[in-house]
Amino acid sequence: MTLSNLDPLLTPPKRLAAMGIIAAATKVEFGYLRDELDLSDSDLSKQLKALADADYLTSKRTGKGKTRKSWFSITNTGQQALHSHAAALRQLLEPATPAPTDESTLAV
């Protein structure tokens, strides 16, 4: 078990949550993500930009003016990164060797 298997880009909870929502759908609209994650527009934009810059997400804009919407989809790279990160988290939470339960063997 090693922490190096965690993806530093997916470690922040906001990004991980966004990726989880987007991975569960074909595409997700910005407003839906904002409302589900209870984030401001600027905070969500910052998180999504980091993911898009890493090629974890693609975005597409539709409409014009007040009807303009931004849609996000996960890429194959993003799917693989999310899968690997989730496996690393499971490994941390379910270690192969059980932790000692005898108080005399616990490190202080």
Protein backbone atom coordinates (compact mmCIF):
# COMPACT_ATOMS: atom_id res chain seq x y z
CA MET A 1 0.00 0.00 0.00
CA THR A 2 1.40 3.38 -0.98
CA LEU A 3 0.14 6.93 -1.14
CA SER A 4 1.93 7.45 -4.44
CA ASN A 5 -0.89 5.55 -6.19
CA LEU A 6 -3.30 8.39 -5.42
CA ASP A 7 -3.82 10.88 -8.23
CA PRO A 8 -2.97 14.34 -6.84
CA LEU A 9 -5.38 15.92 -9.32
CA LEU A 10 -8.26 13.84 -7.92
CA THR A 11 -7.34 14.13 -4.24
CA PRO A 12 -9.27 17.38 -3.67
CA PRO A 13 -12.84 16.36 -2.72
CA LYS A 14 -14.46 18.90 -5.06
CA ARG A 15 -12.68 17.47 -8.10
CA LEU A 16 -13.27 13.87 -7.06
CA ALA A 17 -16.99 14.55 -6.52
CA ALA A 18 -17.28 16.31 -9.88
CA MET A 19 -15.55 13.42 -11.63
CA GLY A 20 -17.84 10.93 -9.93
CA ILE A 21 -20.95 12.75 -11.10
CA ILE A 22 -19.66 13.23 -14.63
CA ALA A 23 -18.48 9.61 -14.90
CA ALA A 24 -21.97 8.39 -14.05
CA ALA A 25 -23.51 10.17 -17.05
CA THR A 26 -22.87 10.69 -20.74
CA LYS A 27 -22.67 14.45 -20.22
CA VAL A 28 -23.45 16.82 -17.36
CA GLU A 29 -24.44 20.49 -17.49
CA PHE A 30 -22.46 23.05 -15.48
CA GLY A 31 -25.48 24.31 -13.51
CA TYR A 32 -26.37 20.79 -12.42
CA LEU A 33 -22.83 20.21 -11.15
CA ARG A 34 -22.82 23.56 -9.37
CA ASP A 35 -26.08 22.82 -7.60
CA GLU A 36 -25.22 19.21 -6.72
CA LEU A 37 -21.82 20.15 -5.30
CA ASP A 38 -23.05 23.41 -3.74
CA LEU A 39 -20.16 25.40 -5.23
CA SER A 40 -19.93 28.89 -6.61
CA ASP A 41 -19.58 29.32 -10.36
CA SER A 42 -15.99 30.49 -10.01
CA ASP A 43 -14.97 27.63 -7.70
CA LEU A 44 -16.53 25.00 -9.95
CA SER A 45 -14.97 26.60 -13.05
CA LYS A 46 -11.55 26.43 -11.41
CA GLN A 47 -11.98 22.75 -10.52
CA LEU A 48 -13.27 21.79 -13.97
CA LYS A 49 -10.50 23.73 -15.72
CA ALA A 50 -7.85 21.75 -13.83
CA LEU A 51 -9.53 18.49 -14.87
CA ALA A 52 -9.95 19.61 -18.49
CA ASP A 53 -6.32 20.79 -18.67
CA ALA A 54 -5.27 17.26 -17.67
CA ASP A 55 -7.51 15.81 -20.42
CA TYR A 56 -9.78 14.18 -17.83
CA LEU A 57 -12.83 16.06 -19.16
CA THR A 58 -14.06 17.60 -22.37
CA SER A 59 -16.45 20.52 -22.52
CA LYS A 60 -18.92 21.67 -25.12
CA ARG A 61 -20.92 24.88 -25.14
CA THR A 62 -24.37 25.11 -26.62
CA GLY A 63 -26.70 28.03 -27.23
CA LYS A 64 -26.03 31.75 -27.15
CA GLY A 65 -26.52 34.51 -24.61
CA LYS A 66 -28.78 33.57 -21.73
CA THR A 67 -29.45 30.12 -23.18
CA ARG A 68 -25.73 29.25 -23.32
CA LYS A 69 -24.85 26.09 -21.43
CA SER A 70 -21.61 24.22 -20.81
CA TRP A 71 -21.66 20.43 -20.89
CA PHE A 72 -18.92 18.16 -19.55
CA SER A 73 -18.02 14.58 -20.40
CA ILE A 74 -15.32 12.33 -19.02
CA THR A 75 -12.54 11.22 -21.39
CA ASN A 76 -10.92 7.79 -21.56
CA THR A 77 -7.93 9.29 -19.75
CA GLY A 78 -10.27 10.61 -17.06
CA GLN A 79 -12.04 7.25 -16.73
CA GLN A 80 -8.72 5.47 -16.25
CA ALA A 81 -7.49 8.08 -13.75
CA LEU A 82 -10.71 7.87 -11.75
CA HIS A 83 -10.62 4.06 -11.76
CA SER A 84 -6.97 4.00 -10.62
CA HIS A 85 -7.56 6.61 -7.94
CA ALA A 86 -10.60 4.72 -6.60
CA ALA A 87 -8.57 1.49 -6.50
CA ALA A 88 -5.83 3.27 -4.55
CA LEU A 89 -8.41 4.63 -2.09
CA ARG A 90 -9.88 1.15 -1.62
CA GLN A 91 -6.39 -0.19 -0.99
CA LEU A 92 -5.83 2.41 1.72
CA LEU A 93 -9.18 1.67 3.36
CA GLU A 94 -8.96 -2.11 3.10
CA PRO A 95 -5.32 -3.01 3.78
CA ALA A 96 -4.18 -6.54 3.01
CA THR A 97 -2.83 -7.00 6.53
CA PRO A 98 -5.25 -6.34 9.40
CA ALA A 99 -4.12 -3.71 11.87
CA PRO A 100 -3.12 -5.02 15.31
CA THR A 101 -5.87 -4.86 17.91
CA ASP A 102 -3.76 -5.53 20.98
CA GLU A 103 -3.08 -2.17 22.68
CA SER A 104 0.45 -3.26 23.66
CA THR A 105 1.43 -3.55 19.97
CA LEU A 106 0.04 -0.18 18.88
CA ALA A 107 2.57 2.55 18.13
CA VAL A 108 2.24 5.71 20.16
